[in-house]
Structure formats: structure tokens, C-alpha cells
Amino acid sequence: MYFDNLADLWSMAGHGPYVWSAYAISFIVLLGTVVIPAKKYQQQLAQIRKQQSESV
């Protein structure tokens, strides 16, 4: 393995904060691209169901 221990993996010779923050930001953005549309879909579906039940 390239790193001898977990602390070396975390610090990455001083570049760790930049590397891990880039991973975190990327993960958050990717998660948002899944979660936000799913929430909007559920809201729209609930609104459609409500409109259909009111019209009956």
C-alpha cells in the first residue's frame, strides 16, 4: 500500500485537507443531484394525488 498508516492517508503529505474536501464536495453535489429531484418528484406526485382526490 502507498501509505504506511491511516494518519499518512489522512494527511497525504500536507495535501490531505484539499484532497478530502474535494472528495466531500463532489460527494455532496452528486448526492444532491439524486436527492433534490427525488424530493421534487414526490412533492409533485402528492400534489397530483391531492388534485385528483379533490376533483372526484
PDB file of N, CA and C in Angstrom:
ATOM      1  N   MET A   1       0.836  -1.173   0.000  1.00  0.00           N
ATOM      2  CA  MET A   1       0.000   0.000   0.000  1.00  0.00           C
ATOM      3  C   MET A   1       0.884   1.240   0.000  1.00  0.00           C
ATOM      4  N   TYR A   2       0.402   2.304  -0.597  1.00  0.00           N
ATOM      5  CA  TYR A   2       1.190   3.521  -0.734  1.00  0.00           C
ATOM      6  C   TYR A   2       1.417   4.209   0.607  1.00  0.00           C
ATOM      7  N   PHE A   3       0.440   4.178   1.482  1.00  0.00           N
ATOM      8  CA  PHE A   3       0.547   4.831   2.790  1.00  0.00           C
ATOM      9  C   PHE A   3       0.817   3.780   3.857  1.00  0.00           C
ATOM     10  N   ASP A   4       1.684   4.134   4.801  1.00  0.00           N
ATOM     11  CA  ASP A   4       2.055   3.188   5.848  1.00  0.00           C
ATOM     12  C   ASP A   4       0.976   3.036   6.914  1.00  0.00           C
ATOM     13  N   ASN A   5       0.251   4.099   7.187  1.00  0.00           N
ATOM     14  CA  ASN A   5      -0.806   4.024   8.196  1.00  0.00           C
ATOM     15  C   ASN A   5      -1.938   4.980   7.838  1.00  0.00           C
ATOM     16  N   LEU A   6      -2.967   4.952   8.632  1.00  0.00           N
ATOM     17  CA  LEU A   6      -4.157   5.754   8.362  1.00  0.00           C
ATOM     18  C   LEU A   6      -3.878   7.254   8.495  1.00  0.00           C
ATOM     19  N   ALA A   7      -2.996   7.633   9.390  1.00  0.00           N
ATOM     20  CA  ALA A   7      -2.658   9.049   9.559  1.00  0.00           C
ATOM     21  C   ALA A   7      -1.975   9.593   8.299  1.00  0.00           C
ATOM     22  N   ASP A   8      -1.119   8.810   7.683  1.00  0.00           N
ATOM     23  CA  ASP A   8      -0.480   9.231   6.432  1.00  0.00           C
ATOM     24  C   ASP A   8      -1.499   9.362   5.303  1.00  0.00           C
ATOM     25  N   LEU A   9      -2.449   8.450   5.277  1.00  0.00           N
ATOM     26  CA  LEU A   9      -3.511   8.525   4.273  1.00  0.00           C
ATOM     27  C   LEU A   9      -4.333   9.797   4.475  1.00  0.00           C
ATOM     28  N   TRP A  10      -4.615  10.128   5.725  1.00  0.00           N
ATOM     29  CA  TRP A  10      -5.421  11.306   6.026  1.00  0.00           C
ATOM     30  C   TRP A  10      -4.662  12.595   5.685  1.00  0.00           C
ATOM     31  N   SER A  11      -3.377  12.665   5.994  1.00  0.00           N
ATOM     32  CA  SER A  11      -2.628  13.913   5.788  1.00  0.00           C
ATOM     33  C   SER A  11      -2.105  14.058   4.363  1.00  0.00           C
ATOM     34  N   MET A  12      -1.769  12.963   3.711  1.00  0.00           N
ATOM     35  CA  MET A  12      -1.264  12.962   2.337  1.00  0.00           C
ATOM     36  C   MET A  12      -0.154  13.997   2.130  1.00  0.00           C
ATOM     37  N   ALA A  13       0.808  13.967   3.000  1.00  0.00           N
ATOM     38  CA  ALA A  13       1.981  14.852   2.924  1.00  0.00           C
ATOM     39  C   ALA A  13       1.578  16.328   2.868  1.00  0.00           C
ATOM     40  N   GLY A  14       0.561  16.690   3.648  1.00  0.00           N
ATOM     41  CA  GLY A  14       0.125  18.077   3.716  1.00  0.00           C
ATOM     42  C   GLY A  14      -0.980  18.436   2.740  1.00  0.00           C
ATOM     43  N   HIS A  15      -1.286  17.565   1.803  1.00  0.00           N
ATOM     44  CA  HIS A  15      -2.322  17.846   0.804  1.00  0.00           C
ATOM     45  C   HIS A  15      -3.680  17.264   1.185  1.00  0.00           C
ATOM     46  N   GLY A  16      -3.751  16.565   2.291  1.00  0.00           N
ATOM     47  CA  GLY A  16      -4.965  15.894   2.711  1.00  0.00           C
ATOM     48  C   GLY A  16      -6.198  16.780   2.815  1.00  0.00           C
ATOM     49  N   PRO A  17      -6.095  17.946   3.461  1.00  0.00           N
ATOM     50  CA  PRO A  17      -7.305  18.781   3.573  1.00  0.00           C
ATOM     51  C   PRO A  17      -7.896  19.151   2.216  1.00  0.00           C
ATOM     52  N   TYR A  18      -7.051  19.417   1.254  1.00  0.00           N
ATOM     53  CA  TYR A  18      -7.546  19.788  -0.075  1.00  0.00           C
ATOM     54  C   TYR A  18      -8.161  18.582  -0.790  1.00  0.00           C
ATOM     55  N   VAL A  19      -7.497  17.461  -0.696  1.00  0.00           N
ATOM     56  CA  VAL A  19      -7.971  16.251  -1.364  1.00  0.00           C
ATOM     57  C   VAL A  19      -9.284  15.790  -0.752  1.00  0.00           C
ATOM     58  N   TRP A  20      -9.343  15.693   0.568  1.00  0.00           N
ATOM     59  CA  TRP A  20     -10.544  15.176   1.216  1.00  0.00           C
ATOM     60  C   TRP A  20     -11.710  16.157   1.112  1.00  0.00           C
ATOM     61  N   SER A  21     -11.423  17.457   1.124  1.00  0.00           N
ATOM     62  CA  SER A  21     -12.515  18.414   0.934  1.00  0.00           C
ATOM     63  C   SER A  21     -13.051  18.335  -0.496  1.00  0.00           C
ATOM     64  N   ALA A  22     -12.202  18.091  -1.460  1.00  0.00           N
ATOM     65  CA  ALA A  22     -12.662  17.924  -2.844  1.00  0.00           C
ATOM     66  C   ALA A  22     -13.543  16.683  -2.964  1.00  0.00           C
ATOM     67  N   TYR A  23     -13.151  15.597  -2.302  1.00  0.00           N
ATOM     68  CA  TYR A  23     -13.990  14.398  -2.295  1.00  0.00           C
ATOM     69  C   TYR A  23     -15.332  14.686  -1.624  1.00  0.00           C
ATOM     70  N   ALA A  24     -15.312  15.391  -0.512  1.00  0.00           N
ATOM     71  CA  ALA A  24     -16.545  15.686   0.220  1.00  0.00           C
ATOM     72  C   ALA A  24     -17.479  16.559  -0.608  1.00  0.00           C
ATOM     73  N   ILE A  25     -16.943  17.597  -1.236  1.00  0.00           N
ATOM     74  CA  ILE A  25     -17.764  18.485  -2.059  1.00  0.00           C
ATOM     75  C   ILE A  25     -18.350  17.715  -3.238  1.00  0.00           C
ATOM     76  N   SER A  26     -17.547  16.893  -3.866  1.00  0.00           N
ATOM     77  CA  SER A  26     -18.038  16.094  -5.001  1.00  0.00           C
ATOM     78  C   SER A  26     -19.142  15.144  -4.567  1.00  0.00           C
ATOM     79  N   PHE A  27     -18.969  14.519  -3.424  1.00  0.00           N
ATOM     80  CA  PHE A  27     -19.979  13.595  -2.918  1.00  0.00           C
ATOM     81  C   PHE A  27     -21.280  14.328  -2.609  1.00  0.00           C
ATOM     82  N   ILE A  28     -21.186  15.510  -2.005  1.00  0.00           N
ATOM     83  CA  ILE A  28     -22.374  16.291  -1.668  1.00  0.00           C
ATOM     84  C   ILE A  28     -23.119  16.716  -2.927  1.00  0.00           C
ATOM     85  N   VAL A  29     -22.368  17.156  -3.936  1.00  0.00           N
ATOM     86  CA  VAL A  29     -23.001  17.568  -5.193  1.00  0.00           C
ATOM     87  C   VAL A  29     -23.687  16.382  -5.861  1.00  0.00           C
ATOM     88  N   LEU A  30     -23.014  15.249  -5.927  1.00  0.00           N
ATOM     89  CA  LEU A  30     -23.611  14.062  -6.536  1.00  0.00           C
ATOM     90  C   LEU A  30     -24.840  13.585  -5.752  1.00  0.00           C
ATOM     91  N   LEU A  31     -24.759  13.640  -4.449  1.00  0.00           N
ATOM     92  CA  LEU A  31     -25.901  13.263  -3.625  1.00  0.00           C
ATOM     93  C   LEU A  31     -27.068  14.213  -3.872  1.00  0.00           C
ATOM     94  N   GLY A  32     -26.772  15.498  -4.017  1.00  0.00           N
ATOM     95  CA  GLY A  32     -27.817  16.474  -4.289  1.00  0.00           C
ATOM     96  C   GLY A  32     -28.498  16.252  -5.619  1.00  0.00           C
ATOM     97  N   THR A  33     -27.752  15.785  -6.614  1.00  0.00           N
ATOM     98  CA  THR A  33     -28.355  15.539  -7.923  1.00  0.00           C
ATOM     99  C   THR A  33     -29.310  14.352  -7.904  1.00  0.00           C
ATOM    100  N   VAL A  34     -29.234  13.541  -6.874  1.00  0.00           N
ATOM    101  CA  VAL A  34     -30.167  12.427  -6.727  1.00  0.00           C
ATOM    102  C   VAL A  34     -31.307  12.799  -5.776  1.00  0.00           C
ATOM    103  N   VAL A  35     -30.982  13.401  -4.651  1.00  0.00           N
ATOM    104  CA  VAL A  35     -31.972  13.659  -3.608  1.00  0.00           C
ATOM    105  C   VAL A  35     -32.948  14.762  -3.996  1.00  0.00           C
ATOM    106  N   ILE A  36     -32.461  15.865  -4.528  1.00  0.00           N
ATOM    107  CA  ILE A  36     -33.335  17.001  -4.842  1.00  0.00           C
ATOM    108  C   ILE A  36     -34.398  16.637  -5.882  1.00  0.00           C
ATOM    109  N   PRO A  37     -34.035  16.031  -7.012  1.00  0.00           N
ATOM    110  CA  PRO A  37     -35.096  15.633  -7.955  1.00  0.00           C
ATOM    111  C   PRO A  37     -36.063  14.595  -7.367  1.00  0.00           C
ATOM    112  N   ALA A  38     -35.576  13.701  -6.541  1.00  0.00           N
ATOM    113  CA  ALA A  38     -36.456  12.699  -5.934  1.00  0.00           C
ATOM    114  C   ALA A  38     -37.469  13.373  -5.012  1.00  0.00           C
ATOM    115  N   LYS A  39     -37.029  14.371  -4.255  1.00  0.00           N
ATOM    116  CA  LYS A  39     -37.953  15.098  -3.386  1.00  0.00           C
ATOM    117  C   LYS A  39     -38.981  15.870  -4.197  1.00  0.00           C
ATOM    118  N   LYS A  40     -38.537  16.524  -5.253  1.00  0.00           N
ATOM    119  CA  LYS A  40     -39.462  17.280  -6.098  1.00  0.00           C
ATOM    120  C   LYS A  40     -40.465  16.351  -6.763  1.00  0.00           C
ATOM    121  N   TYR A  41     -40.027  15.187  -7.178  1.00  0.00           N
ATOM    122  CA  TYR A  41     -40.916  14.202  -7.780  1.00  0.00           C
ATOM    123  C   TYR A  41     -41.993  13.784  -6.780  1.00  0.00           C
ATOM    124  N   GLN A  42     -41.578  13.499  -5.557  1.00  0.00           N
ATOM    125  CA  GLN A  42     -42.538  13.097  -4.538  1.00  0.00           C
ATOM    126  C   GLN A  42     -43.528  14.220  -4.238  1.00  0.00           C
ATOM    127  N   GLN A  43     -43.058  15.467  -4.193  1.00  0.00           N
ATOM    128  CA  GLN A  43     -43.944  16.602  -3.950  1.00  0.00           C
ATOM    129  C   GLN A  43     -44.953  16.757  -5.084  1.00  0.00           C
ATOM    130  N   GLN A  44     -44.489  16.632  -6.305  1.00  0.00           N
ATOM    131  CA  GLN A  44     -45.393  16.761  -7.448  1.00  0.00           C
ATOM    132  C   GLN A  44     -46.402  15.617  -7.471  1.00  0.00           C
ATOM    133  N   LEU A  45     -45.960  14.428  -7.145  1.00  0.00           N
ATOM    134  CA  LEU A  45     -46.860  13.283  -7.102  1.00  0.00           C
ATOM    135  C   LEU A  45     -47.930  13.489  -6.038  1.00  0.00           C
ATOM    136  N   ALA A  46     -47.546  13.990  -4.881  1.00  0.00           N
ATOM    137  CA  ALA A  46     -48.509  14.264  -3.817  1.00  0.00           C
ATOM    138  C   ALA A  46     -49.490  15.347  -4.247  1.00  0.00           C
ATOM    139  N   GLN A  47     -49.011  16.351  -4.950  1.00  0.00           N
ATOM    140  CA  GLN A  47     -49.883  17.423  -5.425  1.00  0.00           C
ATOM    141  C   GLN A  47     -50.881  16.892  -6.455  1.00  0.00           C
ATOM    142  N   ILE A  48     -50.437  16.058  -7.352  1.00  0.00           N
ATOM    143  CA  ILE A  48     -51.324  15.462  -8.355  1.00  0.00           C
ATOM    144  C   ILE A  48     -52.388  14.603  -7.676  1.00  0.00           C
ATOM    145  N   ARG A  49     -51.977  13.797  -6.707  1.00  0.00           N
ATOM    146  CA  ARG A  49     -52.933  12.950  -5.980  1.00  0.00           C
ATOM    147  C   ARG A  49     -53.973  13.795  -5.249  1.00  0.00           C
ATOM    148  N   LYS A  50     -53.515  14.897  -4.663  1.00  0.00           N
ATOM    149  CA  LYS A  50     -54.422  15.794  -3.948  1.00  0.00           C
ATOM    150  C   LYS A  50     -55.426  16.414  -4.925  1.00  0.00           C
ATOM    151  N   GLN A  51     -54.953  16.840  -6.078  1.00  0.00           N
ATOM    152  CA  GLN A  51     -55.841  17.443  -7.073  1.00  0.00           C
ATOM    153  C   GLN A  51     -56.852  16.422  -7.589  1.00  0.00           C
ATOM    154  N   GLN A  52     -56.412  15.202  -7.778  1.00  0.00           N
ATOM    155  CA  GLN A  52     -57.311  14.162  -8.260  1.00  0.00           C
ATOM    156  C   GLN A  52     -58.373  13.821  -7.225  1.00  0.00           C
ATOM    157  N   SER A  53     -57.995  13.809  -5.964  1.00  0.00           N
ATOM    158  CA  SER A  53     -58.968  13.487  -4.923  1.00  0.00           C
ATOM    159  C   SER A  53     -59.959  14.630  -4.725  1.00  0.00           C
ATOM    160  N   GLU A  54     -59.547  15.859  -4.980  1.00  0.00           N
ATOM    161  CA  GLU A  54     -60.456  16.998  -4.856  1.00  0.00           C
ATOM    162  C   GLU A  54     -61.453  17.034  -6.006  1.00  0.00           C
ATOM    163  N   SER A  55     -61.049  16.571  -7.173  1.00  0.00           N
ATOM    164  CA  SER A  55     -61.924  16.633  -8.343  1.00  0.00           C
ATOM    165  C   SER A  55     -62.957  15.507  -8.360  1.00  0.00           C
ATOM    166  N   VAL A  56     -62.757  14.508  -7.549  1.00  0.00           N
ATOM    167  CA  VAL A  56     -63.693  13.365  -7.537  1.00  0.00           C
ATOM    168  C   VAL A  56     -64.832  13.608  -6.622  1.00  0.00           C
TER     169      VAL A  56
END
